[in-house]
């Protein structure tokens, strides 16, 4: 019995405090991202006014093309699921974070290249989204490290 307890204690890996911080931080970010997703696509006038968006932004999101919509949808929902999986210590968090990163990269490429995103949304929102892309890629790398350390199983 003692050997079994000792082996269990030796093999157990403690959850680092930063896992909880990162998981909760990304849940917060992507919860807001999903809220923004529904407000923008729902053409919520009060939301548009609170952000001081003009008619150009409203026109940008009216009849939004299907391909960027698919990437946007994949990004925000997998971006929320990944940190939840991280908090549950499952290695699937890394794959889901990768899906979120790749889908956001595709979304950014399409919208910057073909949809005039920089001029429509402005530099601050565009740069903010690029920072979120880099942070999401960082989440993917973090999850991979946690898998290699045995924290995520």
N, C-alpha and C. Protein backbone atom coordinates (compact mmCIF):
# COMPACT_ATOMS: atom_id res chain seq x y z
N UNK A 1 0.83 -1.20 0.00
CA UNK A 1 0.00 0.00 0.00
C UNK A 1 0.87 1.26 0.00
N UNK A 2 1.94 1.25 0.81
CA UNK A 2 2.81 2.42 0.85
C UNK A 2 3.47 2.67 -0.51
N UNK A 3 3.91 1.60 -1.16
CA UNK A 3 4.54 1.77 -2.47
C UNK A 3 3.57 2.38 -3.48
N UNK A 4 2.32 1.96 -3.41
CA UNK A 4 1.33 2.50 -4.33
C UNK A 4 1.12 3.99 -4.09
N UNK A 5 1.05 4.41 -2.86
CA UNK A 5 0.88 5.83 -2.53
C UNK A 5 2.11 6.61 -2.96
N UNK A 6 3.27 6.07 -2.67
CA UNK A 6 4.50 6.76 -3.05
C UNK A 6 4.59 6.90 -4.56
N UNK A 7 4.26 5.85 -5.29
CA UNK A 7 4.32 5.90 -6.74
C UNK A 7 3.34 6.94 -7.28
N UNK A 8 2.13 6.97 -6.72
CA UNK A 8 1.14 7.95 -7.15
C UNK A 8 1.65 9.36 -6.90
N UNK A 9 2.23 9.60 -5.74
CA UNK A 9 2.74 10.93 -5.42
C UNK A 9 3.92 11.30 -6.31
N UNK A 10 4.76 10.35 -6.60
CA UNK A 10 5.90 10.63 -7.47
C UNK A 10 5.47 10.93 -8.91
N UNK A 11 4.43 10.24 -9.36
CA UNK A 11 3.99 10.40 -10.74
C UNK A 11 3.00 11.55 -10.94
N UNK A 12 2.46 12.07 -9.86
CA UNK A 12 1.49 13.15 -10.04
C UNK A 12 2.23 14.45 -10.37
N UNK A 13 1.67 15.17 -11.30
CA UNK A 13 2.26 16.44 -11.73
C UNK A 13 1.36 17.55 -11.26
N UNK A 14 1.92 18.49 -10.57
CA UNK A 14 1.13 19.59 -10.02
C UNK A 14 0.76 20.57 -11.13
N UNK A 15 -0.42 21.11 -10.97
CA UNK A 15 -0.88 22.11 -11.92
C UNK A 15 -0.21 23.44 -11.61
N UNK A 16 0.50 24.01 -12.58
CA UNK A 16 1.13 25.31 -12.32
C UNK A 16 0.07 26.41 -12.21
N UNK A 17 0.35 27.41 -11.41
CA UNK A 17 -0.61 28.49 -11.20
C UNK A 17 -0.91 29.23 -12.49
N UNK A 18 0.10 29.33 -13.37
CA UNK A 18 -0.10 30.09 -14.60
C UNK A 18 -1.08 29.42 -15.55
N UNK A 19 -1.28 28.11 -15.43
CA UNK A 19 -2.28 27.44 -16.26
C UNK A 19 -3.66 28.02 -15.97
N UNK A 20 -3.96 28.21 -14.69
CA UNK A 20 -5.27 28.77 -14.32
C UNK A 20 -5.39 30.21 -14.81
N UNK A 21 -4.33 30.98 -14.66
CA UNK A 21 -4.35 32.37 -15.10
C UNK A 21 -4.57 32.46 -16.61
N UNK A 22 -3.80 31.70 -17.37
CA UNK A 22 -3.91 31.74 -18.83
C UNK A 22 -5.27 31.23 -19.28
N UNK A 23 -5.73 30.15 -18.68
CA UNK A 23 -7.04 29.62 -19.05
C UNK A 23 -8.16 30.62 -18.81
N UNK A 24 -8.19 31.23 -17.64
CA UNK A 24 -9.24 32.20 -17.33
C UNK A 24 -9.10 33.46 -18.18
N UNK A 25 -7.88 33.88 -18.43
CA UNK A 25 -7.64 35.06 -19.26
C UNK A 25 -8.20 34.86 -20.67
N UNK A 26 -7.92 33.71 -21.27
CA UNK A 26 -8.41 33.46 -22.62
C UNK A 26 -9.91 33.20 -22.66
N UNK A 27 -10.46 32.64 -21.61
CA UNK A 27 -11.92 32.52 -21.54
C UNK A 27 -12.54 33.90 -21.56
N UNK A 28 -11.98 34.82 -20.80
CA UNK A 28 -12.48 36.20 -20.79
C UNK A 28 -12.38 36.83 -22.18
N UNK A 29 -11.23 36.71 -22.81
CA UNK A 29 -11.02 37.32 -24.13
C UNK A 29 -12.00 36.76 -25.15
N UNK A 30 -12.12 35.45 -25.21
CA UNK A 30 -12.96 34.86 -26.24
C UNK A 30 -14.44 34.91 -25.91
N UNK A 31 -14.80 35.05 -24.65
CA UNK A 31 -16.20 35.31 -24.32
C UNK A 31 -16.61 36.66 -24.88
N UNK A 32 -15.75 37.65 -24.71
CA UNK A 32 -16.02 38.95 -25.31
C UNK A 32 -16.01 38.85 -26.84
N UNK A 33 -15.13 38.04 -27.39
CA UNK A 33 -15.08 37.85 -28.84
C UNK A 33 -16.37 37.26 -29.39
N UNK A 34 -16.97 36.33 -28.65
CA UNK A 34 -18.25 35.75 -29.08
C UNK A 34 -19.36 36.79 -28.97
N UNK A 35 -19.32 37.57 -27.90
CA UNK A 35 -20.31 38.66 -27.76
C UNK A 35 -20.19 39.63 -28.94
N UNK A 36 -18.98 40.02 -29.26
CA UNK A 36 -18.73 40.92 -30.39
C UNK A 36 -19.21 40.29 -31.70
N UNK A 37 -18.96 39.00 -31.86
CA UNK A 37 -19.38 38.26 -33.05
C UNK A 37 -20.90 38.38 -33.25
N UNK A 38 -21.66 38.12 -32.21
CA UNK A 38 -23.11 38.17 -32.33
C UNK A 38 -23.63 39.61 -32.49
N UNK A 39 -23.00 40.56 -31.83
CA UNK A 39 -23.44 41.95 -31.96
C UNK A 39 -23.14 42.49 -33.36
N UNK A 40 -21.98 42.17 -33.89
CA UNK A 40 -21.61 42.67 -35.22
C UNK A 40 -22.46 42.02 -36.31
N UNK A 41 -22.61 40.71 -36.24
CA UNK A 41 -23.38 40.02 -37.28
C UNK A 41 -24.88 40.23 -37.11
N UNK A 42 -25.30 40.55 -35.89
CA UNK A 42 -26.71 40.86 -35.66
C UNK A 42 -27.07 42.29 -35.98
N UNK A 43 -26.07 43.07 -36.38
CA UNK A 43 -26.26 44.49 -36.72
C UNK A 43 -26.96 45.24 -35.59
N UNK A 44 -26.49 45.02 -34.38
CA UNK A 44 -27.04 45.69 -33.20
C UNK A 44 -26.64 47.16 -33.24
N UNK A 45 -27.61 48.01 -33.48
CA UNK A 45 -27.33 49.44 -33.68
C UNK A 45 -26.73 50.08 -32.43
N UNK A 46 -27.22 49.71 -31.25
CA UNK A 46 -26.69 50.27 -30.01
C UNK A 46 -25.22 49.88 -29.84
N UNK A 47 -24.88 48.65 -30.19
CA UNK A 47 -23.50 48.19 -30.10
C UNK A 47 -22.61 48.96 -31.07
N UNK A 48 -23.07 49.11 -32.30
CA UNK A 48 -22.31 49.87 -33.30
C UNK A 48 -22.09 51.30 -32.83
N UNK A 49 -23.12 51.91 -32.27
CA UNK A 49 -23.00 53.29 -31.78
C UNK A 49 -22.05 53.38 -30.59
N UNK A 50 -22.09 52.38 -29.69
CA UNK A 50 -21.21 52.41 -28.52
C UNK A 50 -19.74 52.30 -28.92
N UNK A 51 -19.49 51.65 -30.04
CA UNK A 51 -18.11 51.52 -30.55
C UNK A 51 -17.74 52.65 -31.51
N UNK A 52 -18.70 53.54 -31.75
CA UNK A 52 -18.53 54.67 -32.67
C UNK A 52 -18.20 54.21 -34.10
N UNK A 53 -18.84 53.11 -34.49
CA UNK A 53 -18.70 52.63 -35.86
C UNK A 53 -19.67 53.39 -36.74
N UNK A 54 -19.24 53.71 -37.93
CA UNK A 54 -20.09 54.44 -38.86
C UNK A 54 -20.76 53.51 -39.86
N UNK A 55 -21.30 54.13 -40.88
CA UNK A 55 -22.00 53.38 -41.92
C UNK A 55 -21.07 52.46 -42.71
N UNK A 56 -19.81 52.82 -42.78
CA UNK A 56 -18.84 52.00 -43.52
C UNK A 56 -18.68 50.63 -42.86
N UNK A 57 -18.60 50.63 -41.53
CA UNK A 57 -18.45 49.37 -40.81
C UNK A 57 -19.74 48.55 -40.92
N UNK A 58 -20.88 49.21 -40.82
CA UNK A 58 -22.16 48.52 -40.97
C UNK A 58 -22.24 47.87 -42.35
N UNK A 59 -21.84 48.59 -43.38
CA UNK A 59 -21.84 48.03 -44.73
C UNK A 59 -20.86 46.86 -44.86
N UNK A 60 -19.73 46.96 -44.16
CA UNK A 60 -18.71 45.91 -44.19
C UNK A 60 -19.27 44.59 -43.68
N UNK A 61 -20.07 44.65 -42.61
CA UNK A 61 -20.61 43.43 -42.01
C UNK A 61 -21.97 43.04 -42.56
N UNK A 62 -22.55 43.85 -43.43
CA UNK A 62 -23.79 43.49 -44.09
C UNK A 62 -23.45 42.56 -45.25
N UNK A 63 -24.14 41.45 -45.32
CA UNK A 63 -23.86 40.42 -46.34
C UNK A 63 -22.40 39.98 -46.29
N UNK A 64 -21.92 39.70 -45.08
CA UNK A 64 -20.54 39.27 -44.86
C UNK A 64 -20.30 37.97 -45.64
N UNK A 65 -19.22 37.87 -46.40
CA UNK A 65 -18.96 36.67 -47.22
C UNK A 65 -18.83 35.40 -46.37
N UNK A 66 -19.22 34.29 -46.94
CA UNK A 66 -19.29 33.03 -46.20
C UNK A 66 -17.92 32.51 -45.76
N UNK A 67 -16.90 32.62 -46.59
CA UNK A 67 -15.59 32.08 -46.23
C UNK A 67 -14.99 32.78 -45.00
N UNK A 68 -14.92 34.10 -44.97
CA UNK A 68 -14.42 34.72 -43.73
C UNK A 68 -15.34 34.45 -42.54
N UNK A 69 -16.64 34.32 -42.80
CA UNK A 69 -17.57 34.02 -41.71
C UNK A 69 -17.27 32.65 -41.10
N UNK A 70 -16.96 31.68 -41.94
CA UNK A 70 -16.60 30.34 -41.44
C UNK A 70 -15.34 30.43 -40.59
N UNK A 71 -14.31 31.14 -41.07
CA UNK A 71 -13.07 31.27 -40.30
C UNK A 71 -13.30 32.04 -39.01
N UNK A 72 -14.11 33.07 -39.05
CA UNK A 72 -14.41 33.86 -37.85
C UNK A 72 -15.14 32.99 -36.83
N UNK A 73 -16.12 32.23 -37.29
CA UNK A 73 -16.88 31.35 -36.40
C UNK A 73 -15.96 30.30 -35.78
N UNK A 74 -15.13 29.67 -36.59
CA UNK A 74 -14.19 28.68 -36.07
C UNK A 74 -13.26 29.30 -35.04
N UNK A 75 -12.80 30.51 -35.32
CA UNK A 75 -11.86 31.17 -34.41
C UNK A 75 -12.49 31.45 -33.05
N UNK A 76 -13.64 32.10 -33.03
CA UNK A 76 -14.17 32.53 -31.73
C UNK A 76 -14.64 31.35 -30.89
N UNK A 77 -15.22 30.33 -31.52
CA UNK A 77 -15.72 29.22 -30.72
C UNK A 77 -14.60 28.27 -30.30
N UNK A 78 -13.65 27.98 -31.18
CA UNK A 78 -12.52 27.16 -30.76
C UNK A 78 -11.62 27.94 -29.80
N UNK A 79 -11.59 29.27 -29.97
CA UNK A 79 -10.83 30.10 -29.03
C UNK A 79 -11.40 30.07 -27.63
N UNK A 80 -12.69 29.85 -27.49
CA UNK A 80 -13.30 29.70 -26.16
C UNK A 80 -13.15 28.28 -25.64
N UNK A 81 -13.27 27.30 -26.53
CA UNK A 81 -13.20 25.90 -26.11
C UNK A 81 -11.78 25.53 -25.66
N UNK A 82 -10.75 26.04 -26.33
CA UNK A 82 -9.36 25.68 -26.01
C UNK A 82 -8.99 25.97 -24.55
N UNK A 83 -9.24 27.17 -24.01
CA UNK A 83 -8.87 27.39 -22.61
C UNK A 83 -9.74 26.59 -21.63
N UNK A 84 -10.97 26.29 -22.02
CA UNK A 84 -11.80 25.43 -21.16
C UNK A 84 -11.18 24.04 -21.10
N UNK A 85 -10.76 23.51 -22.24
CA UNK A 85 -10.07 22.22 -22.26
C UNK A 85 -8.76 22.29 -21.48
N UNK A 86 -8.08 23.41 -21.57
CA UNK A 86 -6.85 23.60 -20.80
C UNK A 86 -7.12 23.47 -19.30
N UNK A 87 -8.19 24.09 -18.84
CA UNK A 87 -8.53 24.02 -17.41
C UNK A 87 -8.93 22.61 -16.99
N UNK A 88 -9.42 21.81 -17.94
CA UNK A 88 -9.76 20.41 -17.66
C UNK A 88 -8.58 19.48 -17.86
N UNK A 89 -7.42 20.03 -18.15
CA UNK A 89 -6.16 19.29 -18.27
C UNK A 89 -6.19 18.25 -19.39
N UNK A 90 -6.84 18.55 -20.48
CA UNK A 90 -6.86 17.62 -21.60
C UNK A 90 -5.96 18.12 -22.72
N UNK A 91 -5.26 17.19 -23.32
CA UNK A 91 -4.31 17.53 -24.38
C UNK A 91 -5.00 18.04 -25.63
N UNK A 92 -6.30 17.86 -25.74
CA UNK A 92 -7.04 18.40 -26.88
C UNK A 92 -6.99 19.92 -26.92
N UNK A 93 -6.65 20.54 -25.82
CA UNK A 93 -6.55 22.01 -25.78
C UNK A 93 -5.56 22.50 -26.83
N UNK A 94 -4.46 21.78 -27.02
CA UNK A 94 -3.45 22.20 -27.99
C UNK A 94 -3.99 22.17 -29.41
N UNK A 95 -4.70 21.10 -29.77
CA UNK A 95 -5.24 21.00 -31.12
C UNK A 95 -6.31 22.05 -31.37
N UNK A 96 -7.16 22.28 -30.38
CA UNK A 96 -8.23 23.27 -30.54
C UNK A 96 -7.63 24.68 -30.61
N UNK A 97 -6.60 24.96 -29.83
CA UNK A 97 -5.93 26.27 -29.91
C UNK A 97 -5.26 26.44 -31.27
N UNK A 98 -4.75 25.35 -31.83
CA UNK A 98 -4.16 25.42 -33.17
C UNK A 98 -5.24 25.74 -34.21
N UNK A 99 -6.40 25.13 -34.09
CA UNK A 99 -7.51 25.42 -35.00
C UNK A 99 -7.90 26.89 -34.90
N UNK A 100 -7.97 27.40 -33.68
CA UNK A 100 -8.31 28.80 -33.48
C UNK A 100 -7.26 29.71 -34.12
N UNK A 101 -6.00 29.39 -33.93
CA UNK A 101 -4.91 30.21 -34.50
C UNK A 101 -4.94 30.20 -36.02
N UNK A 102 -5.07 29.03 -36.60
CA UNK A 102 -5.05 28.93 -38.07
C UNK A 102 -6.28 29.60 -38.67
N UNK A 103 -7.43 29.40 -38.05
CA UNK A 103 -8.64 30.04 -38.59
C UNK A 103 -8.55 31.56 -38.49
N UNK A 104 -7.97 32.07 -37.40
CA UNK A 104 -7.83 33.52 -37.29
C UNK A 104 -6.79 34.05 -38.29
N UNK A 105 -5.74 33.29 -38.50
CA UNK A 105 -4.74 33.69 -39.50
C UNK A 105 -5.38 33.76 -40.89
N UNK A 106 -6.18 32.77 -41.23
CA UNK A 106 -6.88 32.79 -42.53
C UNK A 106 -7.85 33.96 -42.61
N UNK A 107 -8.57 34.21 -41.52
CA UNK A 107 -9.51 35.33 -41.49
C UNK A 107 -8.77 36.65 -41.69
N UNK A 108 -7.68 36.84 -40.98
CA UNK A 108 -6.91 38.08 -41.11
C UNK A 108 -6.37 38.23 -42.53
N UNK A 109 -5.87 37.15 -43.09
CA UNK A 109 -5.33 37.21 -44.46
C UNK A 109 -6.42 37.64 -45.45
N UNK A 110 -7.57 37.00 -45.37
CA UNK A 110 -8.66 37.31 -46.30
C UNK A 110 -9.14 38.74 -46.12
N UNK A 111 -9.37 39.15 -44.88
CA UNK A 111 -9.95 40.47 -44.66
C UNK A 111 -8.97 41.60 -44.94
N UNK A 112 -7.70 41.40 -44.63
CA UNK A 112 -6.72 42.44 -44.95
C UNK A 112 -6.42 42.50 -46.45
N UNK A 113 -6.35 41.34 -47.09
CA UNK A 113 -5.96 41.29 -48.49
C UNK A 113 -7.10 41.63 -49.45
N UNK A 114 -8.29 41.11 -49.16
CA UNK A 114 -9.38 41.22 -50.14
C UNK A 114 -10.56 42.08 -49.70
N UNK A 115 -10.63 42.44 -48.41
CA UNK A 115 -11.83 43.14 -47.93
C UNK A 115 -11.53 44.53 -47.37
N UNK A 116 -10.30 45.01 -47.56
CA UNK A 116 -9.95 46.38 -47.16
C UNK A 116 -10.16 46.64 -45.66
N UNK A 117 -9.83 45.66 -44.86
CA UNK A 117 -10.07 45.73 -43.42
C UNK A 117 -9.40 46.94 -42.77
N UNK A 118 -8.17 47.21 -43.11
CA UNK A 118 -7.41 48.30 -42.48
C UNK A 118 -8.13 49.63 -42.62
N UNK A 119 -8.63 49.91 -43.83
CA UNK A 119 -9.30 51.19 -44.07
C UNK A 119 -10.70 51.24 -43.48
N UNK A 120 -11.39 50.11 -43.46
CA UNK A 120 -12.77 50.09 -42.95
C UNK A 120 -12.79 50.16 -41.43
N UNK A 121 -12.04 49.28 -40.77
CA UNK A 121 -12.08 49.21 -39.30
C UNK A 121 -11.07 50.12 -38.63
N UNK A 122 -10.09 50.57 -39.37
CA UNK A 122 -9.09 51.46 -38.80
C UNK A 122 -7.90 50.71 -38.25
N UNK A 123 -6.81 51.45 -38.00
CA UNK A 123 -5.58 50.79 -37.55
C UNK A 123 -5.67 50.19 -36.15
N UNK A 124 -6.37 50.84 -35.22
CA UNK A 124 -6.38 50.34 -33.85
C UNK A 124 -7.07 49.00 -33.72
N UNK A 125 -8.23 48.87 -34.33
CA UNK A 125 -8.95 47.59 -34.28
C UNK A 125 -8.17 46.53 -35.05
N UNK A 126 -7.62 46.91 -36.18
CA UNK A 126 -6.84 45.95 -36.97
C UNK A 126 -5.62 45.45 -36.21
N UNK A 127 -4.90 46.36 -35.58
CA UNK A 127 -3.72 45.96 -34.79
C UNK A 127 -4.12 45.16 -33.56
N UNK A 128 -5.23 45.52 -32.94
CA UNK A 128 -5.74 44.76 -31.79
C UNK A 128 -6.00 43.32 -32.20
N UNK A 129 -6.61 43.12 -33.35
CA UNK A 129 -6.89 41.76 -33.82
C UNK A 129 -5.62 40.99 -34.15
N UNK A 130 -4.60 41.67 -34.65
CA UNK A 130 -3.32 41.01 -34.90
C UNK A 130 -2.69 40.58 -33.57
N UNK A 131 -2.81 41.42 -32.54
CA UNK A 131 -2.29 41.06 -31.21
C UNK A 131 -3.04 39.84 -30.67
N UNK A 132 -4.35 39.80 -30.85
CA UNK A 132 -5.14 38.64 -30.41
C UNK A 132 -4.68 37.39 -31.17
N UNK A 133 -4.39 37.53 -32.46
CA UNK A 133 -3.88 36.41 -33.24
C UNK A 133 -2.57 35.89 -32.64
N UNK A 134 -1.65 36.79 -32.34
CA UNK A 134 -0.37 36.39 -31.76
C UNK A 134 -0.55 35.76 -30.38
N UNK A 135 -1.47 36.30 -29.60
CA UNK A 135 -1.73 35.73 -28.28
C UNK A 135 -2.35 34.33 -28.40
N UNK A 136 -3.22 34.15 -29.37
CA UNK A 136 -3.84 32.84 -29.58
C UNK A 136 -2.80 31.82 -30.03
N UNK A 137 -1.88 32.24 -30.87
CA UNK A 137 -0.78 31.36 -31.25
C UNK A 137 0.07 31.04 -30.02
N UNK A 138 0.26 32.03 -29.15
CA UNK A 138 0.97 31.80 -27.89
C UNK A 138 0.24 30.79 -27.02
N UNK A 139 -1.08 30.84 -27.00
CA UNK A 139 -1.86 29.84 -26.25
C UNK A 139 -1.60 28.45 -26.81
N UNK A 140 -1.57 28.33 -28.12
CA UNK A 140 -1.26 27.04 -28.74
C UNK A 140 0.11 26.53 -28.30
N UNK A 141 1.13 27.40 -28.35
CA UNK A 141 2.47 26.99 -27.93
C UNK A 141 2.50 26.62 -26.45
N UNK A 142 1.79 27.38 -25.63
CA UNK A 142 1.72 27.09 -24.19
C UNK A 142 1.10 25.71 -23.96
N UNK A 143 0.02 25.43 -24.66
CA UNK A 143 -0.64 24.12 -24.51
C UNK A 143 0.29 22.99 -24.93
N UNK A 144 1.06 23.20 -25.99
CA UNK A 144 2.02 22.17 -26.42
C UNK A 144 3.07 21.92 -25.34
N UNK A 145 3.54 22.98 -24.71
CA UNK A 145 4.53 22.82 -23.63
C UNK A 145 3.91 22.05 -22.47
N UNK A 146 2.67 22.36 -22.14
CA UNK A 146 2.00 21.68 -21.03
C UNK A 146 1.77 20.20 -21.36
N UNK A 147 1.55 19.88 -22.63
CA UNK A 147 1.43 18.47 -23.03
C UNK A 147 2.77 17.78 -22.85
N UNK A 148 3.85 18.42 -23.29
CA UNK A 148 5.19 17.82 -23.18
C UNK A 148 5.61 17.62 -21.73
N UNK A 149 5.17 18.51 -20.86
CA UNK A 149 5.51 18.39 -19.44
C UNK A 149 4.60 17.39 -18.72
N UNK A 150 3.59 16.92 -19.39
CA UNK A 150 2.69 15.94 -18.79
C UNK A 150 1.57 16.54 -17.97
N UNK A 151 1.40 17.86 -18.03
CA UNK A 151 0.32 18.51 -17.29
C UNK A 151 -1.02 18.23 -17.96
N UNK A 152 -1.01 18.23 -19.29
CA UNK A 152 -2.23 17.92 -20.05
C UNK A 152 -2.14 16.48 -20.52
N UNK A 153 -3.19 15.75 -20.26
CA UNK A 153 -3.18 14.31 -20.61
C UNK A 153 -4.26 13.98 -21.59
